[in-house]
Amino acid sequence: PISDRPEDQLLVQMQGVIAEYERAKIAERTRRGKMHKLRNGQLLPFAASAPYGYAITRVGDPPRRVVVVDEVEAEHVRAMFRWVLEEDLSARAVAKRLNALGVAPRRAALWTQATVWRMLTNPAYCGQATYNRWAPVEPKRPRKPGAYRRAVKSSARKRPREQWLYVPIPAIIDAHAQAEVGTRLSKHKLTSLRNTHHQYLLRTLVVCGECGWRMESLHQQSKSTPYEY
């Protein structure tokens, strides 16, 4: 048993340092092994399932997993890109139209703006699936400061593009269409009414004492009155 003797406390600290070192080395070796298998075509760039519009099947002997196009879902994906290009719809408007048409996503109950935006900007739909694209990081301003988080690094940050690993898969749309959609979405982000045009003094700094969530600030202008607040 570990006691309060200096020798026992030194042993515990040494065991902790070695355990942290082993954990870091195991994570690094696992990452390098995945990157090697991805480069050789032995592994798919998806953690669990393929993106919406694709499916994973097994072919060959011995069987290996390959990515194929799900034609039913792919038609909805093409429609989403077409609505942005031809009708200049935003990601929020595309999500509303999908929900109105009764098109159900795979796991969620309804389509959301964030889900549609991630799909429209995903290089996988033009035939280039990516791996090592996002890096987990700690959120700078968590929504509920001080609350328990199952994962400490619950936020994500894009890695530099030269660190991305591209894996070819069947394309649903062409690269030029996706580039044009990205330009439209960037324009919508600048002209959106939900965009923050004012840097308020206490925005995201004031925390509610009841629920612990951060306060937000809104800027409103009434059409019937000449003032803003």
Protein backbone atom coordinates (compact mmCIF):
# COMPACT_ATOMS: atom_id res chain seq x y z
CA PRO A 1 0.00 0.00 0.00
CA ILE A 2 1.07 3.57 -0.77
CA SER A 3 1.80 5.57 2.33
CA ASP A 4 2.73 9.20 2.97
CA ARG A 5 6.44 8.47 2.97
CA PRO A 6 8.49 10.59 0.53
CA GLU A 7 9.70 7.42 -1.22
CA ASP A 8 6.14 6.20 -1.88
CA GLN A 9 5.02 9.62 -3.15
CA LEU A 10 8.03 9.73 -5.47
CA LEU A 11 7.10 6.29 -6.84
CA VAL A 12 3.51 7.41 -7.53
CA GLN A 13 4.71 10.50 -9.39
CA MET A 14 7.15 8.46 -11.48
CA GLN A 15 4.40 5.98 -12.36
CA GLY A 16 2.14 8.85 -13.41
CA VAL A 17 4.80 10.39 -15.67
CA ILE A 18 5.52 7.04 -17.35
CA ALA A 19 1.79 6.37 -17.83
CA GLU A 20 1.31 9.76 -19.51
CA TYR A 21 4.30 9.07 -21.76
CA GLU A 22 2.94 5.65 -22.75
CA ARG A 23 -0.49 7.10 -23.46
CA ALA A 24 0.99 9.77 -25.74
CA LYS A 25 3.13 7.22 -27.60
CA ILE A 26 0.19 4.84 -28.10
CA ALA A 27 -1.93 7.68 -29.52
CA GLU A 28 0.88 8.73 -31.87
CA ARG A 29 1.50 5.17 -33.10
CA THR A 30 -2.23 4.63 -33.65
CA ARG A 31 -2.45 7.83 -35.68
CA ARG A 32 0.58 6.91 -37.80
CA GLY A 33 -0.82 3.42 -38.38
CA LYS A 34 -4.14 4.81 -39.57
CA MET A 35 -2.42 7.27 -41.90
CA HIS A 36 -0.31 4.44 -43.37
CA LYS A 37 -3.37 2.23 -43.98
CA LEU A 38 -5.27 5.14 -45.54
CA ARG A 39 -2.42 5.86 -47.97
CA ASN A 40 -2.32 2.20 -48.99
CA GLY A 41 -6.10 1.93 -49.42
CA GLN A 42 -6.50 -0.53 -46.53
CA LEU A 43 -8.75 1.75 -44.48
CA LEU A 44 -11.66 4.09 -45.17
CA PRO A 45 -11.47 7.74 -44.06
CA PHE A 46 -14.75 7.49 -42.13
CA ALA A 47 -14.89 6.68 -38.44
CA ALA A 48 -18.24 4.87 -38.30
CA SER A 49 -20.40 5.38 -41.38
CA ALA A 50 -20.14 7.08 -44.74
CA PRO A 51 -21.53 10.61 -45.27
CA TYR A 52 -25.10 11.14 -46.39
CA GLY A 53 -25.33 10.09 -50.04
CA TYR A 54 -22.83 7.25 -49.71
CA ALA A 55 -22.89 3.66 -48.43
CA ILE A 56 -20.21 1.16 -47.45
CA THR A 57 -20.25 -2.32 -48.95
CA ARG A 58 -17.88 -5.29 -49.06
CA VAL A 59 -16.46 -6.64 -52.31
CA GLY A 60 -13.73 -9.05 -53.37
CA ASP A 61 -12.19 -12.11 -51.79
CA PRO A 62 -11.09 -11.60 -49.11
CA PRO A 63 -13.86 -9.01 -48.71
CA ARG A 64 -12.83 -5.40 -48.27
CA ARG A 65 -14.90 -2.32 -47.52
CA VAL A 66 -15.47 0.14 -50.35
CA VAL A 67 -17.52 3.33 -50.67
CA VAL A 68 -20.38 3.40 -53.20
CA VAL A 69 -22.99 6.02 -54.06
CA ASP A 70 -26.46 5.65 -52.55
CA GLU A 71 -28.55 6.88 -55.48
CA VAL A 72 -31.62 7.72 -53.38
CA GLU A 73 -29.70 9.94 -50.97
CA ALA A 74 -27.44 11.24 -53.76
CA GLU A 75 -30.46 12.78 -55.51
CA HIS A 76 -31.20 14.82 -52.39
CA VAL A 77 -27.55 15.90 -52.21
CA ARG A 78 -27.60 17.07 -55.85
CA ALA A 79 -30.85 18.93 -55.17
CA MET A 80 -29.26 20.75 -52.23
CA PHE A 81 -26.37 21.99 -54.37
CA ARG A 82 -28.77 22.89 -57.19
CA TRP A 83 -30.97 24.99 -54.89
CA VAL A 84 -27.98 27.02 -53.74
CA LEU A 85 -26.64 27.53 -57.27
CA GLU A 86 -29.91 28.20 -59.12
CA GLU A 87 -32.09 29.78 -56.42
CA ASP A 88 -29.35 31.26 -54.20
CA LEU A 89 -30.78 29.63 -51.07
CA SER A 90 -28.88 29.75 -47.81
CA ALA A 91 -28.03 26.69 -45.73
CA ARG A 92 -30.89 27.54 -43.38
CA ALA A 93 -33.35 27.81 -46.28
CA VAL A 94 -32.15 24.47 -47.68
CA ALA A 95 -32.74 22.80 -44.31
CA LYS A 96 -36.24 24.27 -44.12
CA ARG A 97 -37.09 23.03 -47.62
CA LEU A 98 -35.85 19.53 -46.88
CA ASN A 99 -37.97 19.40 -43.73
CA ALA A 100 -41.01 20.71 -45.63
CA LEU A 101 -40.57 18.07 -48.34
CA GLY A 102 -40.40 15.32 -45.74
CA VAL A 103 -36.82 14.27 -46.55
CA ALA A 104 -35.55 12.63 -43.37
CA PRO A 105 -31.87 12.64 -42.37
CA ARG A 106 -30.26 9.41 -41.26
CA ARG A 107 -30.16 9.80 -37.49
CA ALA A 108 -31.64 13.17 -36.51
CA ALA A 109 -35.30 14.10 -36.53
CA LEU A 110 -34.92 17.21 -38.71
CA TRP A 111 -32.35 18.90 -40.89
CA THR A 112 -30.48 21.81 -39.32
CA GLN A 113 -28.49 24.68 -40.76
CA ALA A 114 -25.21 23.35 -39.38
CA THR A 115 -25.73 19.89 -40.89
CA VAL A 116 -26.52 21.31 -44.32
CA TRP A 117 -23.55 23.69 -44.19
CA ARG A 118 -21.15 20.84 -43.33
CA MET A 119 -22.50 18.80 -46.23
CA LEU A 120 -22.23 21.63 -48.74
CA THR A 121 -18.60 22.30 -47.77
CA ASN A 122 -17.49 18.66 -47.49
CA PRO A 123 -14.89 17.82 -50.18
CA ALA A 124 -16.06 14.19 -50.14
CA TYR A 125 -19.00 15.01 -52.43
CA CYS A 126 -16.66 16.00 -55.25
CA GLY A 127 -14.66 12.78 -54.88
CA GLN A 128 -12.03 13.74 -52.27
CA ALA A 129 -12.77 12.37 -48.81
CA THR A 130 -10.52 13.90 -46.15
CA TYR A 131 -8.87 12.51 -43.05
CA ASN A 132 -6.96 14.42 -40.37
CA ARG A 133 -8.97 17.53 -41.27
CA TRP A 134 -10.06 18.54 -37.76
CA ALA A 135 -8.10 18.71 -34.52
CA PRO A 136 -9.86 18.47 -31.13
CA VAL A 137 -9.25 21.52 -28.92
CA GLU A 138 -10.63 22.95 -25.70
CA PRO A 139 -13.34 25.58 -26.29
CA LYS A 140 -12.16 29.10 -25.57
CA ARG A 141 -15.59 30.21 -24.38
CA PRO A 142 -17.73 27.19 -23.42
CA ARG A 143 -21.47 27.77 -23.39
CA LYS A 144 -21.73 26.64 -19.78
CA PRO A 145 -18.52 27.67 -17.96
CA GLY A 146 -17.55 25.37 -15.12
CA ALA A 147 -20.00 22.63 -16.12
CA TYR A 148 -18.86 19.03 -16.44
CA ARG A 149 -17.82 18.00 -19.96
CA ARG A 150 -17.35 14.35 -20.82
CA ALA A 151 -14.65 15.35 -23.31
CA VAL A 152 -12.29 18.15 -22.29
CA LYS A 153 -11.46 18.92 -25.93
CA SER A 154 -15.09 19.26 -26.99
CA SER A 155 -14.43 21.80 -29.74
CA ALA A 156 -12.68 21.37 -33.09
CA ARG A 157 -10.28 23.40 -35.17
CA LYS A 158 -9.25 22.91 -38.80
CA ARG A 159 -5.72 21.70 -39.31
CA PRO A 160 -3.56 23.31 -42.04
CA ARG A 161 -4.56 22.08 -45.48
CA GLU A 162 -1.15 20.51 -46.10
CA GLN A 163 -1.84 18.10 -43.21
CA TRP A 164 -5.06 16.78 -44.75
CA LEU A 165 -5.03 13.33 -46.29
CA TYR A 166 -7.24 12.93 -49.37
CA VAL A 167 -8.79 9.57 -50.25
CA PRO A 168 -10.53 9.25 -53.66
CA ILE A 169 -14.16 8.08 -53.59
CA PRO A 170 -16.98 8.26 -56.18
CA ALA A 171 -18.04 11.87 -56.79
CA ILE A 172 -21.65 13.06 -56.60
CA ILE A 173 -21.07 16.64 -57.80
CA ASP A 174 -18.16 18.27 -59.62
CA ALA A 175 -15.51 20.39 -57.92
CA HIS A 176 -16.49 23.57 -59.79
CA ALA A 177 -20.05 23.38 -58.45
CA GLN A 178 -18.84 22.95 -54.89
CA ALA A 179 -16.45 25.88 -55.23
CA GLU A 180 -19.31 28.05 -56.46
CA VAL A 181 -21.49 26.90 -53.57
CA GLY A 182 -18.72 27.82 -51.13
CA THR A 183 -18.59 31.32 -52.62
CA ARG A 184 -22.35 31.70 -52.24
CA LEU A 185 -22.27 30.54 -48.62
CA SER A 186 -19.48 33.00 -47.81
CA LYS A 187 -21.58 35.79 -49.26
CA HIS A 188 -24.60 34.69 -47.22
CA LYS A 189 -22.48 34.72 -44.08
CA LEU A 190 -21.57 38.37 -44.63
CA THR A 191 -25.07 39.54 -45.52
CA SER A 192 -27.02 37.47 -42.99
CA LEU A 193 -29.19 39.32 -40.47
CA ARG A 194 -27.91 36.93 -37.80
CA ASN A 195 -24.33 38.10 -38.32
CA THR A 196 -22.80 40.03 -35.43
CA HIS A 197 -22.06 43.52 -36.73
CA HIS A 198 -21.35 45.04 -33.31
CA GLN A 199 -18.76 44.02 -30.74
CA TYR A 200 -20.73 44.48 -27.53
CA LEU A 201 -18.76 45.06 -24.36
CA LEU A 202 -20.06 42.04 -22.41
CA ARG A 203 -21.05 39.72 -25.29
CA THR A 204 -20.46 36.04 -24.28
CA LEU A 205 -18.90 37.25 -21.00
CA VAL A 206 -22.02 37.57 -18.82
CA VAL A 207 -23.19 34.21 -17.44
CA CYS A 208 -26.72 33.45 -16.22
CA GLY A 209 -26.79 32.62 -12.51
CA GLU A 210 -29.71 30.20 -12.93
CA CYS A 211 -28.78 27.95 -15.86
CA GLY A 212 -25.08 28.79 -16.30
CA TRP A 213 -25.35 29.57 -20.02
CA ARG A 214 -23.61 32.57 -21.55
CA MET A 215 -25.66 35.62 -22.44
CA GLU A 216 -25.93 36.78 -26.05
CA SER A 217 -26.47 40.28 -27.43
CA LEU A 218 -28.78 41.30 -30.25
CA HIS A 219 -28.97 44.45 -32.34
CA GLN A 220 -32.45 45.35 -33.54
CA GLN A 221 -33.81 48.14 -35.70
CA SER A 222 -37.52 48.75 -35.98
CA LYS A 223 -39.03 49.81 -39.30
CA SER A 224 -41.67 51.95 -37.60
CA THR A 225 -39.30 53.90 -35.34
CA PRO A 226 -36.16 55.87 -36.25
CA TYR A 227 -34.02 54.51 -33.43
CA GLU A 228 -32.00 51.35 -32.88
CA TYR A 229 -31.40 49.35 -29.72
